[in-house]
C-alpha atoms as a PDB file:
ATOM      1  CA  MET A   1     -22.644-139.834 -33.238  1.00  0.00           C
ATOM      2  CA  SER A   2     -22.170-138.033 -36.498  1.00  0.00           C
ATOM      3  CA  ASP A   3     -21.746-134.287 -36.791  1.00  0.00           C
ATOM      4  CA  GLU A   4     -25.235-133.808 -38.244  1.00  0.00           C
ATOM      5  CA  LYS A   5     -26.907-135.712 -35.405  1.00  0.00           C
ATOM      6  CA  PHE A   6     -24.824-133.841 -32.847  1.00  0.00           C
ATOM      7  CA  GLU A   7     -25.768-130.467 -34.329  1.00  0.00           C
ATOM      8  CA  LYS A   8     -29.450-131.429 -34.259  1.00  0.00           C
ATOM      9  CA  PHE A   9     -29.157-132.605 -30.634  1.00  0.00           C
ATOM     10  CA  LEU A  10     -27.321-129.425 -29.626  1.00  0.00           C
ATOM     11  CA  LYS A  11     -29.937-127.125 -31.195  1.00  0.00           C
ATOM     12  CA  GLN A  12     -32.776-129.014 -29.529  1.00  0.00           C
ATOM     13  CA  ALA A  13     -31.045-128.932 -26.128  1.00  0.00           C
ATOM     14  CA  ALA A  14     -30.305-125.199 -26.471  1.00  0.00           C
ATOM     15  CA  ARG A  15     -33.962-124.444 -27.259  1.00  0.00           C
ATOM     16  CA  GLY A  16     -35.243-126.253 -24.201  1.00  0.00           C
ATOM     17  CA  TYR A  17     -32.491-125.222 -21.772  1.00  0.00           C
ATOM     18  CA  ASN A  18     -34.127-122.117 -20.287  1.00  0.00           C
ATOM     19  CA  ALA A  19     -37.707-122.857 -21.299  1.00  0.00           C
ATOM     20  CA  PRO A  20     -40.144-122.951 -18.377  1.00  0.00           C
ATOM     21  CA  PRO A  21     -42.111-126.132 -17.799  1.00  0.00           C
ATOM     22  CA  ALA A  22     -45.394-126.446 -19.660  1.00  0.00           C
ATOM     23  CA  ARG A  23     -47.431-126.286 -16.458  1.00  0.00           C
ATOM     24  CA  THR A  24     -46.206-124.760 -13.208  1.00  0.00           C
ATOM     25  CA  PRO A  25     -47.811-126.491 -10.196  1.00  0.00           C
ATOM     26  CA  ARG A  26     -48.583-123.240  -8.363  1.00  0.00           C
ATOM     27  CA  GLU A  27     -51.502-124.596  -6.325  1.00  0.00           C
ATOM     28  CA  GLU A  28     -49.545-127.625  -5.124  1.00  0.00           C
ATOM     29  CA  MET A  29     -46.560-125.485  -4.190  1.00  0.00           C
ATOM     30  CA  TRP A  30     -48.717-122.979  -2.296  1.00  0.00           C
ATOM     31  CA  ASN A  31     -50.548-125.761  -0.442  1.00  0.00           C
ATOM     32  CA  ALA A  32     -47.217-127.233   0.640  1.00  0.00           C
ATOM     33  CA  ILE A  33     -46.028-123.806   1.856  1.00  0.00           C
ATOM     34  CA  GLU A  34     -49.220-123.228   3.852  1.00  0.00           C
ATOM     35  CA  ALA A  35     -49.013-126.701   5.411  1.00  0.00           C
ATOM     36  CA  ARG A  36     -45.452-126.086   6.547  1.00  0.00           C
ATOM     37  CA  ARG A  37     -46.261-122.631   7.947  1.00  0.00           C
ATOM     38  CA  SER A  38     -49.289-123.875   9.867  1.00  0.00           C
ATOM     39  CA  ALA A  39     -47.184-126.576  11.545  1.00  0.00           C
ATOM     40  CA  GLY A  40     -45.310-123.850  13.474  1.00  0.00           C
ATOM     41  CA  PRO A  41     -41.894-122.313  13.278  1.00  0.00           C
ATOM     42  CA  ARG A  42     -39.092-124.791  12.785  1.00  0.00           C
ATOM     43  CA  VAL A  43     -36.214-122.320  12.909  1.00  0.00           C
ATOM     44  CA  VAL A  44     -35.926-119.437  15.339  1.00  0.00           C
ATOM     45  CA  TYR A  45     -33.664-116.936  13.636  1.00  0.00           C
ATOM     46  CA  GLY A  46     -30.995-115.620  16.007  1.00  0.00           C
ATOM     47  CA  GLY A  47     -32.336-117.612  18.936  1.00  0.00           C
ATOM     48  CA  ALA A  48     -29.607-120.214  19.325  1.00  0.00           C
ATOM     49  CA  SER A  49     -26.234-118.584  19.158  1.00  0.00           C
ATOM     50  CA  ASN A  50     -23.051-120.159  20.467  1.00  0.00           C
ATOM     51  CA  LEU A  51     -21.727-116.748  21.469  1.00  0.00           C
ATOM     52  CA  SER A  52     -24.243-116.177  24.265  1.00  0.00           C
ATOM     53  CA  ARG A  53     -24.038-119.144  26.585  1.00  0.00           C
ATOM     54  CA  ALA A  54     -25.780-119.229  29.945  1.00  0.00           C
ATOM     55  CA  ASP A  55     -22.616-119.909  31.966  1.00  0.00           C
ATOM     56  CA  GLY A  56     -20.910-116.786  30.627  1.00  0.00           C
ATOM     57  CA  ASN A  57     -18.030-118.705  29.052  1.00  0.00           C
ATOM     58  CA  ARG A  58     -18.174-117.076  25.672  1.00  0.00           C
ATOM     59  CA  PHE A  59     -15.399-118.864  23.810  1.00  0.00           C
ATOM     60  CA  GLY A  60     -15.029-122.109  25.705  1.00  0.00           C
ATOM     61  CA  SER A  61     -11.808-123.662  26.892  1.00  0.00           C
ATOM     62  CA  LYS A  62     -10.382-124.243  23.415  1.00  0.00           C
ATOM     63  CA  ILE A  63      -9.406-120.600  23.011  1.00  0.00           C
ATOM     64  CA  TRP A  64      -7.378-120.695  26.222  1.00  0.00           C
ATOM     65  CA  TRP A  65      -5.427-123.719  25.068  1.00  0.00           C
ATOM     66  CA  ALA A  66      -4.711-121.980  21.783  1.00  0.00           C
ATOM     67  CA  ALA A  67      -3.585-118.818  23.589  1.00  0.00           C
ATOM     68  CA  ALA A  68      -1.296-120.802  25.894  1.00  0.00           C
ATOM     69  CA  ALA A  69       0.225-122.617  22.925  1.00  0.00           C
ATOM     70  CA  ALA A  70       0.827-119.302  21.149  1.00  0.00           C
ATOM     71  CA  VAL A  71       2.572-117.847  24.223  1.00  0.00           C
ATOM     72  CA  VAL A  72       4.831-120.898  24.553  1.00  0.00           C
ATOM     73  CA  LEU A  73       5.656-120.768  20.852  1.00  0.00           C
ATOM     74  CA  VAL A  74       6.566-117.078  20.898  1.00  0.00           C
ATOM     75  CA  ALA A  75       8.603-117.375  24.108  1.00  0.00           C
ATOM     76  CA  SER A  76      10.587-120.336  22.820  1.00  0.00           C
ATOM     77  CA  GLY A  77      11.230-118.547  19.530  1.00  0.00           C
ATOM     78  CA  ILE A  78      12.578-115.489  21.310  1.00  0.00           C
ATOM     79  CA  GLY A  79      14.740-117.640  23.571  1.00  0.00           C
ATOM     80  CA  ILE A  80      16.198-119.648  20.715  1.00  0.00           C
ATOM     81  CA  GLY A  81      16.799-116.476  18.739  1.00  0.00           C
ATOM     82  CA  ARG A  82      18.707-114.832  21.563  1.00  0.00           C
ATOM     83  CA  LEU A  83      20.829-117.874  22.238  1.00  0.00           C
ATOM     84  CA  THR A  84      21.780-118.404  18.597  1.00  0.00           C
ATOM     85  CA  ALA A  85      22.346-114.777  17.567  1.00  0.00           C
ATOM     86  CA  PRO A  86      25.893-114.238  16.249  1.00  0.00           C
ATOM     87  CA  GLY A  87      28.238-112.163  18.411  1.00  0.00           C
ATOM     88  CA  SER A  88      26.057-112.089  21.468  1.00  0.00           C
ATOM     89  CA  THR A  89      26.437-113.917  24.711  1.00  0.00           C
ATOM     90  CA  PRO A  90      23.685-114.438  27.186  1.00  0.00           C
ATOM     91  CA  ALA A  91      23.744-111.954  30.043  1.00  0.00           C
ATOM     92  CA  VAL A  92      24.911-113.475  33.300  1.00  0.00           C
ATOM     93  CA  ALA A  93      24.117-111.893  36.620  1.00  0.00           C
ATOM     94  CA  THR A  94      27.268-110.992  38.585  1.00  0.00           C
ATOM     95  CA  ALA A  95      27.916-109.350  41.898  1.00  0.00           C
ATOM     96  CA  PRO A  96      28.452-105.589  41.704  1.00  0.00           C
ATOM     97  CA  ARG A  97      32.067-104.437  41.717  1.00  0.00           C
ATOM     98  CA  GLN A  98      33.345-102.987  44.936  1.00  0.00           C
ATOM     99  CA  THR A  99      35.467 -99.882  44.686  1.00  0.00           C
ATOM    100  CA  VAL A 100      38.445 -99.632  47.006  1.00  0.00           C
ATOM    101  CA  THR A 101      39.393 -96.208  48.294  1.00  0.00           C
ATOM    102  CA  PRO A 102      43.060 -95.892  49.160  1.00  0.00           C
ATOM    103  CA  LEU A 103      43.897 -94.679  52.655  1.00  0.00           C
ATOM    104  CA  GLU A 104      46.972 -92.721  51.605  1.00  0.00           C
ATOM    105  CA  PRO A 105      47.856 -91.233  48.294  1.00  0.00           C
ATOM    106  CA  ALA A 106      49.904 -93.300  45.934  1.00  0.00           C
ATOM    107  CA  PRO A 107      53.580 -92.283  45.613  1.00  0.00           C
ATOM    108  CA  SER A 108      54.347 -90.292  42.521  1.00  0.00           C
ATOM    109  CA  ASN A 109      57.492 -90.353  40.410  1.00  0.00           C
ATOM    110  CA  ASP A 110      57.721 -86.562  40.213  1.00  0.00           C
ATOM    111  CA  PRO A 111      61.231 -85.446  41.373  1.00  0.00           C
ATOM    112  CA  GLN A 112      59.941 -82.238  42.950  1.00  0.00           C
ATOM    113  CA  SER A 113      57.510 -83.993  45.167  1.00  0.00           C
ATOM    114  CA  ILE A 114      60.241 -85.917  46.945  1.00  0.00           C
ATOM    115  CA  GLY A 115      61.143 -84.016  49.835  1.00  0.00           C
END
């Protein structure tokens, strides 16, 4: 296609791009709308929502599986982080220390106390 033919084609396409059709079929469109409306409602707006189920289970069981997976993921991350942290050792439960009270005082090395 030469430049002159392309320019002519482009001007013709630009003129007719937003031009309305020669005849708008208003009567045919309105008859189709009335026929559809007289057949009854096909869509009930807001009538069928997944959020209000009859059994009361609002979210279904999928949300509980996702929540359980999130808890396991967070718990394992915390555990791995505590075990691999530098300079820390895991706390180990030990028996409490027993304190021994002496029955007699310990001997001292003070020369005046010898008597």
